[in-house]
Structure formats: structure tokens, C-alpha cells
PDB file of N, CA and C in Angstrom:
ATOM      1  N   MET A   1      -5.539  10.080 -53.329  1.00  0.00           N
ATOM      2  CA  MET A   1      -6.403   9.981 -52.302  1.00  0.00           C
ATOM      3  C   MET A   1      -5.793   9.614 -50.950  1.00  0.00           C
ATOM      4  N   GLN A   2      -4.973   8.464 -50.954  1.00  0.00           N
ATOM      5  CA  GLN A   2      -4.267   8.129 -49.708  1.00  0.00           C
ATOM      6  C   GLN A   2      -3.282   9.168 -49.260  1.00  0.00           C
ATOM      7  N   GLY A   3      -2.622   9.878 -50.106  1.00  0.00           N
ATOM      8  CA  GLY A   3      -1.680  10.845 -49.767  1.00  0.00           C
ATOM      9  C   GLY A   3      -2.433  12.065 -49.112  1.00  0.00           C
ATOM     10  N   GLU A   4      -3.611  12.400 -49.616  1.00  0.00           N
ATOM     11  CA  GLU A   4      -4.405  13.423 -48.975  1.00  0.00           C
ATOM     12  C   GLU A   4      -4.794  13.112 -47.559  1.00  0.00           C
ATOM     13  N   MET A   5      -5.238  11.805 -47.345  1.00  0.00           N
ATOM     14  CA  MET A   5      -5.668  11.334 -46.074  1.00  0.00           C
ATOM     15  C   MET A   5      -4.512  11.355 -45.118  1.00  0.00           C
ATOM     16  N   ASP A   6      -3.279  10.986 -45.635  1.00  0.00           N
ATOM     17  CA  ASP A   6      -2.099  10.887 -44.750  1.00  0.00           C
ATOM     18  C   ASP A   6      -1.782  12.440 -44.330  1.00  0.00           C
ATOM     19  N   MET A   7      -1.944  13.394 -45.270  1.00  0.00           N
ATOM     20  CA  MET A   7      -1.711  14.718 -44.888  1.00  0.00           C
ATOM     21  C   MET A   7      -2.694  15.244 -43.828  1.00  0.00           C
ATOM     22  N   ASN A   8      -3.891  14.872 -44.020  1.00  0.00           N
ATOM     23  CA  ASN A   8      -4.870  15.238 -42.984  1.00  0.00           C
ATOM     24  C   ASN A   8      -4.632  14.788 -41.693  1.00  0.00           C
ATOM     25  N   LEU A   9      -4.185  13.486 -41.673  1.00  0.00           N
ATOM     26  CA  LEU A   9      -3.922  12.864 -40.332  1.00  0.00           C
ATOM     27  C   LEU A   9      -2.716  13.453 -39.665  1.00  0.00           C
ATOM     28  N   LEU A  10      -1.678  13.804 -40.409  1.00  0.00           N
ATOM     29  CA  LEU A  10      -0.475  14.444 -40.036  1.00  0.00           C
ATOM     30  C   LEU A  10      -0.817  15.864 -39.383  1.00  0.00           C
ATOM     31  N   LYS A  11      -1.684  16.560 -40.129  1.00  0.00           N
ATOM     32  CA  LYS A  11      -2.157  17.874 -39.729  1.00  0.00           C
ATOM     33  C   LYS A  11      -2.870  17.758 -38.353  1.00  0.00           C
ATOM     34  N   LYS A  12      -3.689  16.822 -38.293  1.00  0.00           N
ATOM     35  CA  LYS A  12      -4.433  16.618 -36.992  1.00  0.00           C
ATOM     36  C   LYS A  12      -3.532  16.197 -35.896  1.00  0.00           C
ATOM     37  N   ILE A  13      -2.560  15.439 -36.073  1.00  0.00           N
ATOM     38  CA  ILE A  13      -1.569  15.024 -35.082  1.00  0.00           C
ATOM     39  C   ILE A  13      -0.809  16.256 -34.590  1.00  0.00           C
ATOM     40  N   GLU A  14      -0.368  17.119 -35.586  1.00  0.00           N
ATOM     41  CA  GLU A  14       0.289  18.277 -35.154  1.00  0.00           C
ATOM     42  C   GLU A  14      -0.583  19.198 -34.336  1.00  0.00           C
ATOM     43  N   GLU A  15      -1.805  19.349 -34.744  1.00  0.00           N
ATOM     44  CA  GLU A  15      -2.830  20.228 -33.922  1.00  0.00           C
ATOM     45  C   GLU A  15      -2.934  19.618 -32.531  1.00  0.00           C
ATOM     46  N   LEU A  16      -3.053  18.341 -32.420  1.00  0.00           N
ATOM     47  CA  LEU A  16      -3.177  17.673 -31.136  1.00  0.00           C
ATOM     48  C   LEU A  16      -1.961  17.737 -30.266  1.00  0.00           C
ATOM     49  N   THR A  17      -0.826  17.682 -30.892  1.00  0.00           N
ATOM     50  CA  THR A  17       0.627  17.890 -30.181  1.00  0.00           C
ATOM     51  C   THR A  17       0.591  19.232 -29.672  1.00  0.00           C
ATOM     52  N   LEU A  18       0.269  20.232 -30.493  1.00  0.00           N
ATOM     53  CA  LEU A  18       0.389  21.716 -30.062  1.00  0.00           C
ATOM     54  C   LEU A  18      -0.608  21.934 -28.887  1.00  0.00           C
ATOM     55  N   TYR A  19      -1.800  21.312 -29.009  1.00  0.00           N
ATOM     56  CA  TYR A  19      -2.731  21.459 -28.033  1.00  0.00           C
ATOM     57  C   TYR A  19      -2.336  20.899 -26.704  1.00  0.00           C
ATOM     58  N   THR A  20      -1.684  19.679 -26.766  1.00  0.00           N
ATOM     59  CA  THR A  20      -1.187  18.943 -25.582  1.00  0.00           C
ATOM     60  C   THR A  20      -0.142  19.752 -24.945  1.00  0.00           C
ATOM     61  N   ILE A  21       0.827  20.371 -25.729  1.00  0.00           N
ATOM     62  CA  ILE A  21       1.953  21.237 -25.233  1.00  0.00           C
ATOM     63  C   ILE A  21       1.321  22.360 -24.477  1.00  0.00           C
ATOM     64  N   ALA A  22       0.279  22.987 -25.019  1.00  0.00           N
ATOM     65  CA  ALA A  22      -0.319  24.095 -24.325  1.00  0.00           C
ATOM     66  C   ALA A  22      -0.995  23.794 -23.107  1.00  0.00           C
ATOM     67  N   GLN A  23      -1.614  22.568 -23.037  1.00  0.00           N
ATOM     68  CA  GLN A  23      -2.272  22.102 -21.801  1.00  0.00           C
ATOM     69  C   GLN A  23      -1.208  21.779 -20.803  1.00  0.00           C
ATOM     70  N   GLU A  24      -0.103  21.228 -21.113  1.00  0.00           N
ATOM     71  CA  GLU A  24       0.883  20.952 -20.175  1.00  0.00           C
ATOM     72  C   GLU A  24       1.502  22.179 -19.509  1.00  0.00           C
ATOM     73  N   LYS A  25       1.682  23.245 -20.468  1.00  0.00           N
ATOM     74  CA  LYS A  25       2.065  24.511 -19.904  1.00  0.00           C
ATOM     75  C   LYS A  25       1.102  25.164 -18.885  1.00  0.00           C
ATOM     76  N   SER A  26      -0.116  25.081 -19.217  1.00  0.00           N
ATOM     77  CA  SER A  26      -1.256  25.598 -18.409  1.00  0.00           C
ATOM     78  C   SER A  26      -1.265  24.775 -17.044  1.00  0.00           C
ATOM     79  N   ILE A  27      -1.109  23.529 -17.086  1.00  0.00           N
ATOM     80  CA  ILE A  27      -1.105  22.741 -15.882  1.00  0.00           C
ATOM     81  C   ILE A  27       0.139  23.032 -15.024  1.00  0.00           C
ATOM     82  N   LYS A  28       1.235  23.273 -15.590  1.00  0.00           N
ATOM     83  CA  LYS A  28       2.504  23.562 -14.872  1.00  0.00           C
ATOM     84  C   LYS A  28       2.253  24.936 -14.136  1.00  0.00           C
ATOM     85  N   ASN A  29       1.715  25.907 -14.812  1.00  0.00           N
ATOM     86  CA  ASN A  29       1.438  27.227 -14.297  1.00  0.00           C
ATOM     87  C   ASN A  29       0.442  27.124 -13.152  1.00  0.00           C
ATOM     88  N   GLN A  30      -0.667  26.341 -13.349  1.00  0.00           N
ATOM     89  CA  GLN A  30      -1.605  26.113 -12.260  1.00  0.00           C
ATOM     90  C   GLN A  30      -1.004  25.394 -11.009  1.00  0.00           C
ATOM     91  N   ASN A  31      -0.106  24.486 -11.285  1.00  0.00           N
ATOM     92  CA  ASN A  31       0.509  23.756 -10.208  1.00  0.00           C
ATOM     93  C   ASN A  31       1.353  24.643  -9.355  1.00  0.00           C
ATOM     94  N   ALA A  32       2.048  25.662 -10.073  1.00  0.00           N
ATOM     95  CA  ALA A  32       2.935  26.592  -9.449  1.00  0.00           C
ATOM     96  C   ALA A  32       2.052  27.541  -8.588  1.00  0.00           C
ATOM     97  N   LYS A  33       0.900  28.047  -9.079  1.00  0.00           N
ATOM     98  CA  LYS A  33      -0.008  28.894  -8.350  1.00  0.00           C
ATOM     99  C   LYS A  33      -0.551  28.125  -7.103  1.00  0.00           C
ATOM    100  N   ILE A  34      -0.913  26.841  -7.243  1.00  0.00           N
ATOM    101  CA  ILE A  34      -1.460  26.055  -6.174  1.00  0.00           C
ATOM    102  C   ILE A  34      -0.359  26.014  -5.065  1.00  0.00           C
ATOM    103  N   GLN A  35       0.869  25.663  -5.428  1.00  0.00           N
ATOM    104  CA  GLN A  35       1.967  25.632  -4.466  1.00  0.00           C
ATOM    105  C   GLN A  35       2.101  26.937  -3.697  1.00  0.00           C
ATOM    106  N   LYS A  36       2.043  28.161  -4.427  1.00  0.00           N
ATOM    107  CA  LYS A  36       2.218  29.404  -3.832  1.00  0.00           C
ATOM    108  C   LYS A  36       0.959  29.620  -2.785  1.00  0.00           C
ATOM    109  N   LEU A  37      -0.219  29.213  -3.328  1.00  0.00           N
ATOM    110  CA  LEU A  37      -1.290  29.428  -2.390  1.00  0.00           C
ATOM    111  C   LEU A  37      -1.310  28.641  -1.178  1.00  0.00           C
ATOM    112  N   GLU A  38      -0.861  27.420  -1.324  1.00  0.00           N
ATOM    113  CA  GLU A  38      -0.686  26.540  -0.136  1.00  0.00           C
ATOM    114  C   GLU A  38       0.268  27.120   0.832  1.00  0.00           C
ATOM    115  N   LYS A  39       1.389  27.702   0.335  1.00  0.00           N
ATOM    116  CA  LYS A  39       2.337  28.227   1.299  1.00  0.00           C
ATOM    117  C   LYS A  39       1.773  29.477   2.027  1.00  0.00           C
ATOM    118  N   GLU A  40       1.037  30.305   1.238  1.00  0.00           N
ATOM    119  CA  GLU A  40       0.401  31.529   1.786  1.00  0.00           C
ATOM    120  C   GLU A  40      -0.818  31.075   2.828  1.00  0.00           C
ATOM    121  N   ASN A  41      -1.432  29.967   2.496  1.00  0.00           N
ATOM    122  CA  ASN A  41      -2.431  29.529   3.398  1.00  0.00           C
ATOM    123  C   ASN A  41      -1.858  29.059   4.702  1.00  0.00           C
ATOM    124  N   GLU A  42      -0.712  28.330   4.652  1.00  0.00           N
ATOM    125  CA  GLU A  42      -0.127  27.983   5.908  1.00  0.00           C
ATOM    126  C   GLU A  42       0.438  29.247   6.686  1.00  0.00           C
ATOM    127  N   LEU A  43       0.860  30.169   6.057  1.00  0.00           N
ATOM    128  CA  LEU A  43       1.396  31.422   6.697  1.00  0.00           C
ATOM    129  C   LEU A  43       0.158  32.068   7.382  1.00  0.00           C
ATOM    130  N   LEU A  44      -1.060  32.082   6.655  1.00  0.00           N
ATOM    131  CA  LEU A  44      -2.131  32.683   7.291  1.00  0.00           C
ATOM    132  C   LEU A  44      -2.591  31.905   8.495  1.00  0.00           C
ATOM    133  N   LYS A  45      -2.561  30.621   8.360  1.00  0.00           N
ATOM    134  CA  LYS A  45      -3.045  29.820   9.561  1.00  0.00           C
ATOM    135  C   LYS A  45      -2.125  30.114  10.781  1.00  0.00           C
ATOM    136  N   THR A  46      -0.807  30.196  10.599  1.00  0.00           N
ATOM    137  CA  THR A  46       0.050  30.471  11.594  1.00  0.00           C
ATOM    138  C   THR A  46      -0.192  31.929  12.195  1.00  0.00           C
ATOM    139  N   LEU A  47      -0.382  32.843  11.429  1.00  0.00           N
ATOM    140  CA  LEU A  47      -0.700  34.241  11.776  1.00  0.00           C
ATOM    141  C   LEU A  47      -1.960  34.323  12.578  1.00  0.00           C
ATOM    142  N   LEU A  48      -3.027  33.554  12.113  1.00  0.00           N
ATOM    143  CA  LEU A  48      -4.219  33.514  12.757  1.00  0.00           C
ATOM    144  C   LEU A  48      -4.212  32.866  14.235  1.00  0.00           C
ATOM    145  N   GLU A  49      -3.353  31.867  14.350  1.00  0.00           N
ATOM    146  CA  GLU A  49      -3.106  31.125  15.597  1.00  0.00           C
ATOM    147  C   GLU A  49      -2.410  32.164  16.593  1.00  0.00           C
ATOM    148  N   ARG A  50      -1.425  32.908  15.979  1.00  0.00           N
ATOM    149  CA  ARG A  50      -0.700  33.753  16.819  1.00  0.00           C
ATOM    150  C   ARG A  50      -1.670  35.036  17.302  1.00  0.00           C
ATOM    151  N   VAL A  51      -2.380  35.577  16.490  1.00  0.00           N
ATOM    152  CA  VAL A  51      -3.426  36.586  16.829  1.00  0.00           C
ATOM    153  C   VAL A  51      -4.342  36.112  17.875  1.00  0.00           C
ATOM    154  N   THR A  52      -4.947  34.889  17.572  1.00  0.00           N
ATOM    155  CA  THR A  52      -5.812  34.338  18.536  1.00  0.00           C
ATOM    156  C   THR A  52      -5.171  34.156  19.952  1.00  0.00           C
ATOM    157  N   LYS A  53      -3.908  33.647  19.974  1.00  0.00           N
ATOM    158  CA  LYS A  53      -3.205  33.574  21.215  1.00  0.00           C
ATOM    159  C   LYS A  53      -3.018  34.950  21.947  1.00  0.00           C
ATOM    160  N   LEU A  54      -2.634  35.928  21.151  1.00  0.00           N
ATOM    161  CA  LEU A  54      -2.432  37.244  21.697  1.00  0.00           C
ATOM    162  C   LEU A  54      -3.736  37.839  22.321  1.00  0.00           C
ATOM    163  N   GLU A  55      -4.841  37.562  21.547  1.00  0.00           N
ATOM    164  CA  GLU A  55      -6.152  38.001  21.961  1.00  0.00           C
ATOM    165  C   GLU A  55      -6.533  37.423  23.363  1.00  0.00           C
ATOM    166  N   LYS A  56      -6.192  36.193  23.388  1.00  0.00           N
ATOM    167  CA  LYS A  56      -6.619  35.495  24.729  1.00  0.00           C
ATOM    168  C   LYS A  56      -5.739  36.023  25.894  1.00  0.00           C
ATOM    169  N   GLN A  57      -4.361  36.334  25.572  1.00  0.00           N
ATOM    170  CA  GLN A  57      -3.507  36.886  26.471  1.00  0.00           C
ATOM    171  C   GLN A  57      -4.014  38.185  26.959  1.00  0.00           C
ATOM    172  N   LEU A  58      -4.515  39.064  26.098  1.00  0.00           N
ATOM    173  CA  LEU A  58      -5.016  40.458  26.412  1.00  0.00           C
ATOM    174  C   LEU A  58      -6.277  40.307  27.192  1.00  0.00           C
ATOM    175  N   GLN A  59      -7.075  39.372  27.017  1.00  0.00           N
ATOM    176  CA  GLN A  59      -8.356  39.138  27.686  1.00  0.00           C
ATOM    177  C   GLN A  59      -8.019  38.773  29.232  1.00  0.00           C
ATOM    178  N   ASN A  60      -7.080  38.219  29.466  1.00  0.00           N
ATOM    179  CA  ASN A  60      -6.675  37.716  30.886  1.00  0.00           C
ATOM    180  C   ASN A  60      -6.084  38.842  31.664  1.00  0.00           C
TER     181      ASN A  60
END
């Protein structure tokens, strides 16, 4: 009886460990995507500022 409970607990620990590893991998991938999007967003802001400046120059 005790041995069976121990095996069930070990199995559950293994499942939770594998789940945690998968979650960590997912979080790492999401963080990489966030960093990429933040860089792209900064570039877009810069380009928008430049376009706005050029439009103002053309209007004058």
C-alpha cells in the first residue's frame, strides 16, 4: 500500500516537473517574441516621427 502511494507521488512529481519545464520553455519563447516586438515598435515609432517631419516639411 505505502509503496503504491509512493509510486503515485513520484509519478505526479515527474508529471509536474515535465509540465514546469514546458512552461519555462514557453515563457522563454514568449519573452524572446516580446523583445523582438519591442524593438520593432521602437523602429516604427522612429519611422513615424521621420515621416511626420517630412510631411511637415513638404507642407511648408
